[in-house]
Amino acid sequence: MVLKVVKDQYDEKDPEDLRKLLIDFNDRKMQEHLDKFIDEKGYTDAGFEKMSHGHGRQAC
């Protein structure tokens, strides 16, 4: 919706630039939240490695 509003006020490249800015902003915010969550839970690389193996489950 925001892009539709600004479309008439700016040149054709501006909405794409704005879209990229919003994507980058959201990426940074999500990474900040993920980093905080990982720190709060005390997760480590070793813990993630263990979780990636399915908690001891074996593939069929």
PDB file of N, CA and C in Angstrom:
ATOM      1  N   MET A   1       0.820  -1.187   0.000  1.00  0.00           N
ATOM      2  CA  MET A   1       0.000   0.000   0.000  1.00  0.00           C
ATOM      3  C   MET A   1       0.870   1.261   0.000  1.00  0.00           C
ATOM      4  N   VAL A   2       1.897   1.269   0.798  1.00  0.00           N
ATOM      5  CA  VAL A   2       2.786   2.434   0.855  1.00  0.00           C
ATOM      6  C   VAL A   2       3.396   2.696  -0.513  1.00  0.00           C
ATOM      7  N   LEU A   3       3.774   1.624  -1.188  1.00  0.00           N
ATOM      8  CA  LEU A   3       4.392   1.799  -2.503  1.00  0.00           C
ATOM      9  C   LEU A   3       3.419   2.411  -3.513  1.00  0.00           C
ATOM     10  N   LYS A   4       2.135   2.094  -3.412  1.00  0.00           N
ATOM     11  CA  LYS A   4       1.150   2.682  -4.309  1.00  0.00           C
ATOM     12  C   LYS A   4       1.014   4.184  -4.072  1.00  0.00           C
ATOM     13  N   VAL A   5       1.075   4.592  -2.821  1.00  0.00           N
ATOM     14  CA  VAL A   5       0.930   6.006  -2.467  1.00  0.00           C
ATOM     15  C   VAL A   5       2.108   6.819  -3.007  1.00  0.00           C
ATOM     16  N   VAL A   6       3.307   6.303  -2.866  1.00  0.00           N
ATOM     17  CA  VAL A   6       4.484   7.069  -3.286  1.00  0.00           C
ATOM     18  C   VAL A   6       4.787   6.933  -4.769  1.00  0.00           C
ATOM     19  N   LYS A   7       4.160   5.997  -5.431  1.00  0.00           N
ATOM     20  CA  LYS A   7       4.439   5.743  -6.845  1.00  0.00           C
ATOM     21  C   LYS A   7       4.270   6.997  -7.703  1.00  0.00           C
ATOM     22  N   ASP A   8       3.234   7.762  -7.472  1.00  0.00           N
ATOM     23  CA  ASP A   8       2.954   8.940  -8.283  1.00  0.00           C
ATOM     24  C   ASP A   8       3.857  10.121  -7.938  1.00  0.00           C
ATOM     25  N   GLN A   9       4.493  10.093  -6.773  1.00  0.00           N
ATOM     26  CA  GLN A   9       5.294  11.226  -6.333  1.00  0.00           C
ATOM     27  C   GLN A   9       6.770  11.102  -6.685  1.00  0.00           C
ATOM     28  N   TYR A  10       7.218   9.926  -7.041  1.00  0.00           N
ATOM     29  CA  TYR A  10       8.624   9.693  -7.282  1.00  0.00           C
ATOM     30  C   TYR A  10       8.819   8.995  -8.614  1.00  0.00           C
ATOM     31  N   ASP A  11      10.090   8.909  -9.047  1.00  0.00           N
ATOM     32  CA  ASP A  11      10.314   8.233 -10.322  1.00  0.00           C
ATOM     33  C   ASP A  11      10.180   6.716 -10.147  1.00  0.00           C
ATOM     34  N   GLU A  12      10.264   6.000 -11.249  1.00  0.00           N
ATOM     35  CA  GLU A  12       9.990   4.564 -11.239  1.00  0.00           C
ATOM     36  C   GLU A  12      10.964   3.774 -10.370  1.00  0.00           C
ATOM     37  N   LYS A  13      12.176   4.235 -10.208  1.00  0.00           N
ATOM     38  CA  LYS A  13      13.178   3.504  -9.446  1.00  0.00           C
ATOM     39  C   LYS A  13      12.968   3.645  -7.935  1.00  0.00           C
ATOM     40  N   ASP A  14      12.381   4.719  -7.487  1.00  0.00           N
ATOM     41  CA  ASP A  14      12.230   4.980  -6.057  1.00  0.00           C
ATOM     42  C   ASP A  14      11.439   3.907  -5.306  1.00  0.00           C
ATOM     43  N   PRO A  15      10.307   3.430  -5.818  1.00  0.00           N
ATOM     44  CA  PRO A  15       9.586   2.378  -5.075  1.00  0.00           C
ATOM     45  C   PRO A  15      10.433   1.115  -4.889  1.00  0.00           C
ATOM     46  N   GLU A  16      11.225   0.769  -5.893  1.00  0.00           N
ATOM     47  CA  GLU A  16      12.097  -0.405  -5.765  1.00  0.00           C
ATOM     48  C   GLU A  16      13.165  -0.165  -4.699  1.00  0.00           C
ATOM     49  N   ASP A  17      13.719   1.037  -4.669  1.00  0.00           N
ATOM     50  CA  ASP A  17      14.703   1.381  -3.638  1.00  0.00           C
ATOM     51  C   ASP A  17      14.071   1.329  -2.252  1.00  0.00           C
ATOM     52  N   LEU A  18      12.856   1.823  -2.139  1.00  0.00           N
ATOM     53  CA  LEU A  18      12.141   1.793  -0.868  1.00  0.00           C
ATOM     54  C   LEU A  18      11.866   0.358  -0.438  1.00  0.00           C
ATOM     55  N   ARG A  19      11.482  -0.463  -1.368  1.00  0.00           N
ATOM     56  CA  ARG A  19      11.235  -1.878  -1.077  1.00  0.00           C
ATOM     57  C   ARG A  19      12.508  -2.535  -0.540  1.00  0.00           C
ATOM     58  N   LYS A  20      13.632  -2.252  -1.165  1.00  0.00           N
ATOM     59  CA  LYS A  20      14.907  -2.816  -0.704  1.00  0.00           C
ATOM     60  C   LYS A  20      15.268  -2.315   0.689  1.00  0.00           C
ATOM     61  N   LEU A  21      15.001  -1.038   0.956  1.00  0.00           N
ATOM     62  CA  LEU A  21      15.255  -0.490   2.290  1.00  0.00           C
ATOM     63  C   LEU A  21      14.402  -1.194   3.350  1.00  0.00           C
ATOM     64  N   LEU A  22      13.136  -1.417   3.025  1.00  0.00           N
ATOM     65  CA  LEU A  22      12.252  -2.098   3.973  1.00  0.00           C
ATOM     66  C   LEU A  22      12.682  -3.539   4.210  1.00  0.00           C
ATOM     67  N   ILE A  23      13.109  -4.200   3.165  1.00  0.00           N
ATOM     68  CA  ILE A  23      13.588  -5.578   3.305  1.00  0.00           C
ATOM     69  C   ILE A  23      14.835  -5.607   4.182  1.00  0.00           C
ATOM     70  N   ASP A  24      15.773  -4.701   3.930  1.00  0.00           N
ATOM     71  CA  ASP A  24      16.992  -4.638   4.746  1.00  0.00           C
ATOM     72  C   ASP A  24      16.667  -4.317   6.208  1.00  0.00           C
ATOM     73  N   PHE A  25      15.749  -3.383   6.414  1.00  0.00           N
ATOM     74  CA  PHE A  25      15.343  -3.019   7.769  1.00  0.00           C
ATOM     75  C   PHE A  25      14.755  -4.229   8.499  1.00  0.00           C
ATOM     76  N   ASN A  26      13.836  -4.923   7.844  1.00  0.00           N
ATOM     77  CA  ASN A  26      13.209  -6.092   8.458  1.00  0.00           C
ATOM     78  C   ASN A  26      14.227  -7.195   8.716  1.00  0.00           C
ATOM     79  N   ASP A  27      15.175  -7.370   7.816  1.00  0.00           N
ATOM     80  CA  ASP A  27      16.217  -8.366   8.004  1.00  0.00           C
ATOM     81  C   ASP A  27      17.042  -8.054   9.256  1.00  0.00           C
ATOM     82  N   ARG A  28      17.432  -6.792   9.406  1.00  0.00           N
ATOM     83  CA  ARG A  28      18.220  -6.397  10.583  1.00  0.00           C
ATOM     84  C   ARG A  28      17.425  -6.592  11.876  1.00  0.00           C
ATOM     85  N   LYS A  29      16.159  -6.206  11.866  1.00  0.00           N
ATOM     86  CA  LYS A  29      15.328  -6.342  13.066  1.00  0.00           C
ATOM     87  C   LYS A  29      15.141  -7.814  13.440  1.00  0.00           C
ATOM     88  N   MET A  30      14.867  -8.654  12.459  1.00  0.00           N
ATOM     89  CA  MET A  30      14.690 -10.076  12.739  1.00  0.00           C
ATOM     90  C   MET A  30      15.990 -10.681  13.266  1.00  0.00           C
ATOM     91  N   GLN A  31      17.135 -10.279  12.704  1.00  0.00           N
ATOM     92  CA  GLN A  31      18.411 -10.799  13.176  1.00  0.00           C
ATOM     93  C   GLN A  31      18.677 -10.363  14.611  1.00  0.00           C
ATOM     94  N   GLU A  32      18.340  -9.114  14.939  1.00  0.00           N
ATOM     95  CA  GLU A  32      18.494  -8.630  16.312  1.00  0.00           C
ATOM     96  C   GLU A  32      17.652  -9.458  17.284  1.00  0.00           C
ATOM     97  N   HIS A  33      16.406  -9.727  16.908  1.00  0.00           N
ATOM     98  CA  HIS A  33      15.519 -10.521  17.766  1.00  0.00           C
ATOM     99  C   HIS A  33      16.041 -11.952  17.898  1.00  0.00           C
ATOM    100  N   LEU A  34      16.519 -12.522  16.803  1.00  0.00           N
ATOM    101  CA  LEU A  34      17.058 -13.878  16.841  1.00  0.00           C
ATOM    102  C   LEU A  34      18.301 -13.939  17.718  1.00  0.00           C
ATOM    103  N   ASP A  35      19.200 -12.968  17.574  1.00  0.00           N
ATOM    104  CA  ASP A  35      20.411 -12.936  18.395  1.00  0.00           C
ATOM    105  C   ASP A  35      20.064 -12.820  19.882  1.00  0.00           C
ATOM    106  N   LYS A  36      19.088 -11.975  20.195  1.00  0.00           N
ATOM    107  CA  LYS A  36      18.667 -11.808  21.593  1.00  0.00           C
ATOM    108  C   LYS A  36      18.073 -13.106  22.131  1.00  0.00           C
ATOM    109  N   PHE A  37      17.242 -13.757  21.344  1.00  0.00           N
ATOM    110  CA  PHE A  37      16.619 -15.019  21.740  1.00  0.00           C
ATOM    111  C   PHE A  37      17.680 -16.089  22.004  1.00  0.00           C
ATOM    112  N   ILE A  38      18.648 -16.193  21.103  1.00  0.00           N
ATOM    113  CA  ILE A  38      19.717 -17.182  21.246  1.00  0.00           C
ATOM    114  C   ILE A  38      20.518 -16.917  22.510  1.00  0.00           C
ATOM    115  N   ASP A  39      20.832 -15.644  22.752  1.00  0.00           N
ATOM    116  CA  ASP A  39      21.569 -15.284  23.966  1.00  0.00           C
ATOM    117  C   ASP A  39      20.763 -15.616  25.226  1.00  0.00           C
ATOM    118  N   GLU A  40      19.473 -15.287  25.218  1.00  0.00           N
ATOM    119  CA  GLU A  40      18.628 -15.544  26.382  1.00  0.00           C
ATOM    120  C   GLU A  40      18.509 -17.038  26.671  1.00  0.00           C
ATOM    121  N   LYS A  41      18.436 -17.848  25.638  1.00  0.00           N
ATOM    122  CA  LYS A  41      18.293 -19.293  25.804  1.00  0.00           C
ATOM    123  C   LYS A  41      19.632 -19.975  26.068  1.00  0.00           C
ATOM    124  N   GLY A  42      20.728 -19.282  25.801  1.00  0.00           N
ATOM    125  CA  GLY A  42      22.042 -19.861  26.022  1.00  0.00           C
ATOM    126  C   GLY A  42      22.445 -20.881  24.973  1.00  0.00           C
ATOM    127  N   TYR A  43      21.855 -20.786  23.799  1.00  0.00           N
ATOM    128  CA  TYR A  43      22.190 -21.717  22.727  1.00  0.00           C
ATOM    129  C   TYR A  43      23.623 -21.485  22.238  1.00  0.00           C
ATOM    130  N   THR A  44      24.259 -22.559  21.798  1.00  0.00           N
ATOM    131  CA  THR A  44      25.619 -22.487  21.266  1.00  0.00           C
ATOM    132  C   THR A  44      25.653 -23.152  19.895  1.00  0.00           C
ATOM    133  N   ASP A  45      26.783 -22.993  19.207  1.00  0.00           N
ATOM    134  CA  ASP A  45      26.944 -23.673  17.919  1.00  0.00           C
ATOM    135  C   ASP A  45      26.841 -25.188  18.095  1.00  0.00           C
ATOM    136  N   ALA A  46      27.438 -25.693  19.178  1.00  0.00           N
ATOM    137  CA  ALA A  46      27.367 -27.128  19.445  1.00  0.00           C
ATOM    138  C   ALA A  46      25.920 -27.566  19.680  1.00  0.00           C
ATOM    139  N   GLY A  47      25.160 -26.737  20.378  1.00  0.00           N
ATOM    140  CA  GLY A  47      23.754 -27.058  20.613  1.00  0.00           C
ATOM    141  C   GLY A  47      22.946 -27.086  19.327  1.00  0.00           C
ATOM    142  N   PHE A  48      23.208 -26.131  18.442  1.00  0.00           N
ATOM    143  CA  PHE A  48      22.514 -26.123  17.149  1.00  0.00           C
ATOM    144  C   PHE A  48      22.907 -27.336  16.316  1.00  0.00           C
ATOM    145  N   GLU A  49      24.170 -27.708  16.386  1.00  0.00           N
ATOM    146  CA  GLU A  49      24.627 -28.892  15.653  1.00  0.00           C
ATOM    147  C   GLU A  49      23.909 -30.133  16.155  1.00  0.00           C
ATOM    148  N   LYS A  50      23.783 -30.250  17.471  1.00  0.00           N
ATOM    149  CA  LYS A  50      23.081 -31.397  18.054  1.00  0.00           C
ATOM    150  C   LYS A  50      21.611 -31.402  17.635  1.00  0.00           C
ATOM    151  N   MET A  51      20.975 -30.226  17.668  1.00  0.00           N
ATOM    152  CA  MET A  51      19.565 -30.137  17.269  1.00  0.00           C
ATOM    153  C   MET A  51      19.369 -30.499  15.799  1.00  0.00           C
ATOM    154  N   SER A  52      20.355 -30.184  14.978  1.00  0.00           N
ATOM    155  CA  SER A  52      20.221 -30.446  13.540  1.00  0.00           C
ATOM    156  C   SER A  52      20.241 -31.933  13.220  1.00  0.00           C
ATOM    157  N   HIS A  53      20.687 -32.729  14.187  1.00  0.00           N
ATOM    158  CA  HIS A  53      20.716 -34.179  13.978  1.00  0.00           C
ATOM    159  C   HIS A  53      19.441 -34.844  14.461  1.00  0.00           C
ATOM    160  N   GLY A  54      18.426 -34.064  14.755  1.00  0.00           N
ATOM    161  CA  GLY A  54      17.101 -34.618  15.085  1.00  0.00           C
ATOM    162  C   GLY A  54      17.011 -35.231  16.452  1.00  0.00           C
ATOM    163  N   HIS A  55      17.815 -34.780  17.391  1.00  0.00           N
ATOM    164  CA  HIS A  55      17.729 -35.274  18.771  1.00  0.00           C
ATOM    165  C   HIS A  55      17.874 -36.789  18.837  1.00  0.00           C
ATOM    166  N   GLY A  56      18.800 -37.320  18.049  1.00  0.00           N
ATOM    167  CA  GLY A  56      19.068 -38.743  18.113  1.00  0.00           C
ATOM    168  C   GLY A  56      18.207 -39.590  17.199  1.00  0.00           C
ATOM    169  N   ARG A  57      17.290 -38.985  16.487  1.00  0.00           N
ATOM    170  CA  ARG A  57      16.454 -39.752  15.558  1.00  0.00           C
ATOM    171  C   ARG A  57      17.282 -40.124  14.330  1.00  0.00           C
ATOM    172  N   GLN A  58      16.939 -41.239  13.742  1.00  0.00           N
ATOM    173  CA  GLN A  58      17.634 -41.679  12.535  1.00  0.00           C
ATOM    174  C   GLN A  58      16.686 -41.644  11.362  1.00  0.00           C
ATOM    175  N   ALA A  59      17.239 -41.314  10.209  1.00  0.00           N
ATOM    176  CA  ALA A  59      16.436 -41.272   8.984  1.00  0.00           C
ATOM    177  C   ALA A  59      16.110 -42.692   8.550  1.00  0.00           C
ATOM    178  N   CYS A  60      14.936 -42.863   7.945  1.00  0.00           N
ATOM    179  CA  CYS A  60      14.528 -44.189   7.460  1.00  0.00           C
ATOM    180  C   CYS A  60      15.246 -44.537   6.184  1.00  0.00           C
TER     181      CYS A  60
END
